[in-house]
Amino acid sequence: MYAIVVSKEALKELKALPKVIVRNISNAIDGLEEQPRPSGCKKLKGIQPALWRIRIGDYRVIYLVDDVVRIVEIRRIAHRKDVYE
């Protein structure tokens, strides 16, 4: 089991979204406790430390996995057109 840590920025972005989308994203984030690299996740290139992303419809969750301490740190939650800026 991995611990989930959500950054202040990601929490603020999540609160601004509609409730239906928040529910779907919350379910996906909860799944990261068991499997931090689920099928369909991608490692982002050219960024250090290595960040991962999962898709939830048109939204993306960007996160960092620390296997030593067993923590998943959620960095960003945003629409796909805005998340990579």
N, C-alpha and C. Protein backbone atom coordinates (compact mmCIF):
# COMPACT_ATOMS: atom_id res chain seq x y z
N MET A 1 0.83 -1.19 0.00
CA MET A 1 0.00 0.00 0.00
C MET A 1 0.87 1.25 0.00
N TYR A 2 0.50 2.18 -0.82
CA TYR A 2 1.17 3.47 -0.91
C TYR A 2 0.29 4.53 -0.24
N ALA A 3 0.91 5.50 0.39
CA ALA A 3 0.18 6.63 0.96
C ALA A 3 -0.01 7.67 -0.14
N ILE A 4 -1.18 8.31 -0.14
CA ILE A 4 -1.48 9.33 -1.13
C ILE A 4 -1.32 10.70 -0.47
N VAL A 5 -0.52 11.57 -1.09
CA VAL A 5 -0.33 12.94 -0.62
C VAL A 5 -0.75 13.86 -1.76
N VAL A 6 -1.66 14.78 -1.48
CA VAL A 6 -2.15 15.70 -2.51
C VAL A 6 -1.60 17.10 -2.22
N SER A 7 -0.97 17.70 -3.23
CA SER A 7 -0.41 19.04 -3.06
C SER A 7 -1.53 20.06 -2.94
N LYS A 8 -1.21 21.23 -2.41
CA LYS A 8 -2.20 22.30 -2.27
C LYS A 8 -2.73 22.73 -3.63
N GLU A 9 -1.85 22.80 -4.62
CA GLU A 9 -2.26 23.20 -5.97
C GLU A 9 -3.26 22.19 -6.55
N ALA A 10 -2.97 20.90 -6.40
CA ALA A 10 -3.86 19.87 -6.93
C ALA A 10 -5.21 19.87 -6.21
N LEU A 11 -5.19 20.09 -4.91
CA LEU A 11 -6.43 20.14 -4.14
C LEU A 11 -7.29 21.32 -4.59
N LYS A 12 -6.67 22.45 -4.83
CA LYS A 12 -7.38 23.63 -5.30
C LYS A 12 -7.99 23.37 -6.69
N GLU A 13 -7.22 22.73 -7.57
CA GLU A 13 -7.72 22.41 -8.91
C GLU A 13 -8.88 21.43 -8.83
N LEU A 14 -8.80 20.47 -7.92
CA LEU A 14 -9.85 19.47 -7.77
C LEU A 14 -11.15 20.09 -7.28
N LYS A 15 -11.06 21.00 -6.32
CA LYS A 15 -12.25 21.65 -5.76
C LYS A 15 -12.99 22.50 -6.79
N ALA A 16 -12.30 22.96 -7.82
CA ALA A 16 -12.91 23.81 -8.83
C ALA A 16 -13.67 23.02 -9.90
N LEU A 17 -13.57 21.69 -9.88
CA LEU A 17 -14.19 20.86 -10.91
C LEU A 17 -15.62 20.46 -10.51
N PRO A 18 -16.45 20.09 -11.51
CA PRO A 18 -17.80 19.60 -11.21
C PRO A 18 -17.76 18.31 -10.39
N LYS A 19 -18.80 18.08 -9.59
CA LYS A 19 -18.83 16.94 -8.66
C LYS A 19 -18.71 15.59 -9.35
N VAL A 20 -19.32 15.44 -10.51
CA VAL A 20 -19.26 14.16 -11.23
C VAL A 20 -17.81 13.83 -11.60
N ILE A 21 -17.09 14.82 -12.07
CA ILE A 21 -15.70 14.63 -12.46
C ILE A 21 -14.83 14.38 -11.23
N VAL A 22 -15.13 15.10 -10.15
CA VAL A 22 -14.37 14.92 -8.90
C VAL A 22 -14.51 13.49 -8.41
N ARG A 23 -15.70 12.91 -8.50
CA ARG A 23 -15.92 11.53 -8.07
C ARG A 23 -15.07 10.57 -8.89
N ASN A 24 -15.05 10.75 -10.20
CA ASN A 24 -14.26 9.87 -11.07
C ASN A 24 -12.76 10.00 -10.78
N ILE A 25 -12.30 11.23 -10.60
CA ILE A 25 -10.89 11.45 -10.31
C ILE A 25 -10.53 10.88 -8.94
N SER A 26 -11.39 11.06 -7.95
CA SER A 26 -11.14 10.53 -6.61
C SER A 26 -11.02 9.00 -6.63
N ASN A 27 -11.88 8.35 -7.40
CA ASN A 27 -11.81 6.89 -7.52
C ASN A 27 -10.49 6.47 -8.14
N ALA A 28 -10.04 7.20 -9.17
CA ALA A 28 -8.77 6.87 -9.82
C ALA A 28 -7.60 7.08 -8.87
N ILE A 29 -7.64 8.17 -8.10
CA ILE A 29 -6.57 8.45 -7.14
C ILE A 29 -6.55 7.38 -6.05
N ASP A 30 -7.71 6.96 -5.58
CA ASP A 30 -7.77 5.89 -4.57
C ASP A 30 -7.15 4.60 -5.09
N GLY A 31 -7.30 4.33 -6.38
CA GLY A 31 -6.70 3.14 -6.97
C GLY A 31 -5.18 3.18 -6.99
N LEU A 32 -4.60 4.37 -6.90
CA LEU A 32 -3.14 4.50 -6.89
C LEU A 32 -2.54 3.97 -5.59
N GLU A 33 -3.34 3.85 -4.54
CA GLU A 33 -2.84 3.27 -3.28
C GLU A 33 -2.37 1.84 -3.50
N GLU A 34 -3.14 1.08 -4.23
CA GLU A 34 -2.83 -0.33 -4.49
C GLU A 34 -1.82 -0.49 -5.62
N GLN A 35 -2.05 0.26 -6.71
CA GLN A 35 -1.21 0.12 -7.91
C GLN A 35 -0.82 1.53 -8.39
N PRO A 36 0.37 2.01 -8.02
CA PRO A 36 0.76 3.36 -8.41
C PRO A 36 1.05 3.55 -9.90
N ARG A 37 1.21 2.47 -10.60
CA ARG A 37 1.42 2.55 -12.05
C ARG A 37 0.41 1.62 -12.74
N PRO A 38 -0.86 2.04 -12.78
CA PRO A 38 -1.88 1.19 -13.38
C PRO A 38 -1.73 1.12 -14.90
N SER A 39 -2.43 0.20 -15.51
CA SER A 39 -2.36 0.11 -16.97
C SER A 39 -2.91 1.42 -17.55
N GLY A 40 -2.26 1.90 -18.59
CA GLY A 40 -2.67 3.14 -19.20
C GLY A 40 -1.94 4.36 -18.67
N CYS A 41 -1.18 4.22 -17.58
CA CYS A 41 -0.42 5.37 -17.07
C CYS A 41 0.79 5.57 -17.97
N LYS A 42 1.30 6.78 -17.99
CA LYS A 42 2.47 7.07 -18.81
C LYS A 42 3.48 7.87 -18.00
N LYS A 43 4.74 7.58 -18.25
CA LYS A 43 5.82 8.34 -17.64
C LYS A 43 6.06 9.57 -18.51
N LEU A 44 6.10 10.75 -17.90
CA LEU A 44 6.33 11.97 -18.66
C LEU A 44 7.81 12.11 -18.97
N LYS A 45 8.11 12.44 -20.20
CA LYS A 45 9.49 12.54 -20.66
C LYS A 45 10.06 13.92 -20.40
N GLY A 46 11.36 13.98 -20.14
CA GLY A 46 12.06 15.24 -20.04
C GLY A 46 11.85 15.99 -18.75
N ILE A 47 11.26 15.34 -17.75
CA ILE A 47 10.99 16.00 -16.48
C ILE A 47 11.68 15.22 -15.37
N GLN A 48 12.42 15.93 -14.54
CA GLN A 48 13.06 15.29 -13.39
C GLN A 48 12.53 15.94 -12.13
N PRO A 49 12.15 15.24 -11.11
CA PRO A 49 12.10 13.79 -11.04
C PRO A 49 10.99 13.24 -11.93
N ALA A 50 11.06 11.96 -12.22
CA ALA A 50 10.14 11.33 -13.16
C ALA A 50 8.70 11.42 -12.65
N LEU A 51 7.86 12.07 -13.43
CA LEU A 51 6.44 12.18 -13.10
C LEU A 51 5.65 11.21 -13.97
N TRP A 52 4.49 10.81 -13.46
CA TRP A 52 3.58 9.91 -14.17
C TRP A 52 2.27 10.62 -14.36
N ARG A 53 1.46 10.13 -15.33
CA ARG A 53 0.14 10.69 -15.52
C ARG A 53 -0.86 9.57 -15.80
N ILE A 54 -2.09 9.81 -15.31
CA ILE A 54 -3.20 8.93 -15.65
C ILE A 54 -4.29 9.79 -16.27
N ARG A 55 -5.05 9.18 -17.16
CA ARG A 55 -6.16 9.85 -17.84
C ARG A 55 -7.46 9.51 -17.15
N ILE A 56 -8.31 10.51 -16.95
CA ILE A 56 -9.67 10.31 -16.51
C ILE A 56 -10.53 11.18 -17.42
N GLY A 57 -10.99 10.60 -18.52
CA GLY A 57 -11.72 11.38 -19.51
C GLY A 57 -10.82 12.44 -20.11
N ASP A 58 -11.27 13.69 -20.07
CA ASP A 58 -10.48 14.80 -20.59
C ASP A 58 -9.54 15.39 -19.56
N TYR A 59 -9.48 14.80 -18.39
CA TYR A 59 -8.64 15.31 -17.30
C TYR A 59 -7.44 14.42 -17.09
N ARG A 60 -6.37 15.03 -16.56
CA ARG A 60 -5.14 14.31 -16.29
C ARG A 60 -4.73 14.53 -14.84
N VAL A 61 -4.19 13.47 -14.24
CA VAL A 61 -3.63 13.55 -12.90
C VAL A 61 -2.13 13.31 -13.05
N ILE A 62 -1.34 14.29 -12.64
CA ILE A 62 0.12 14.21 -12.71
C ILE A 62 0.63 13.91 -11.30
N TYR A 63 1.46 12.89 -11.18
CA TYR A 63 1.90 12.49 -9.85
C TYR A 63 3.32 11.94 -9.86
N LEU A 64 3.89 11.90 -8.66
CA LEU A 64 5.24 11.39 -8.43
C LEU A 64 5.13 10.14 -7.56
N VAL A 65 5.90 9.11 -7.89
CA VAL A 65 5.89 7.87 -7.10
C VAL A 65 7.25 7.72 -6.43
N ASP A 66 7.23 7.57 -5.11
CA ASP A 66 8.45 7.30 -4.34
C ASP A 66 8.33 5.87 -3.81
N ASP A 67 9.03 4.94 -4.47
CA ASP A 67 8.93 3.53 -4.09
C ASP A 67 9.64 3.21 -2.79
N VAL A 68 10.62 4.01 -2.41
CA VAL A 68 11.37 3.76 -1.18
C VAL A 68 10.49 4.03 0.04
N VAL A 69 9.83 5.20 0.04
CA VAL A 69 8.98 5.59 1.16
C VAL A 69 7.54 5.13 0.96
N ARG A 70 7.22 4.67 -0.26
CA ARG A 70 5.89 4.19 -0.64
C ARG A 70 4.85 5.30 -0.53
N ILE A 71 5.13 6.39 -1.25
CA ILE A 71 4.23 7.55 -1.30
C ILE A 71 3.93 7.88 -2.76
N VAL A 72 2.67 8.23 -3.02
CA VAL A 72 2.26 8.78 -4.31
C VAL A 72 1.86 10.23 -4.04
N GLU A 73 2.61 11.16 -4.64
CA GLU A 73 2.33 12.58 -4.44
C GLU A 73 1.63 13.14 -5.67
N ILE A 74 0.38 13.55 -5.50
CA ILE A 74 -0.40 14.13 -6.59
C ILE A 74 0.05 15.58 -6.76
N ARG A 75 0.55 15.93 -7.94
CA ARG A 75 1.07 17.27 -8.19
C ARG A 75 0.07 18.18 -8.88
N ARG A 76 -0.64 17.67 -9.90
CA ARG A 76 -1.60 18.48 -10.67
C ARG A 76 -2.79 17.66 -11.05
N ILE A 77 -3.94 18.33 -11.15
CA ILE A 77 -5.16 17.75 -11.68
C ILE A 77 -5.77 18.83 -12.55
N ALA A 78 -5.84 18.59 -13.86
CA ALA A 78 -6.32 19.63 -14.75
C ALA A 78 -6.83 19.03 -16.06
N HIS A 79 -7.51 19.87 -16.83
CA HIS A 79 -7.98 19.48 -18.15
C HIS A 79 -6.77 19.25 -19.04
N ARG A 80 -6.89 18.36 -19.98
CA ARG A 80 -5.74 17.98 -20.81
C ARG A 80 -5.14 19.14 -21.57
N LYS A 81 -5.94 20.17 -21.92
CA LYS A 81 -5.38 21.30 -22.66
C LYS A 81 -4.52 22.20 -21.78
N ASP A 82 -4.67 22.13 -20.45
CA ASP A 82 -3.97 23.02 -19.54
C ASP A 82 -2.90 22.35 -18.71
N VAL A 83 -2.94 21.05 -18.59
CA VAL A 83 -2.13 20.36 -17.58
C VAL A 83 -0.63 20.38 -17.87
N TYR A 84 -0.22 20.42 -19.12
CA TYR A 84 1.20 20.31 -19.44
C TYR A 84 1.91 21.65 -19.53
N GLU A 85 1.22 22.74 -19.28
CA GLU A 85 1.84 24.08 -19.37
C GLU A 85 2.73 24.35 -18.19
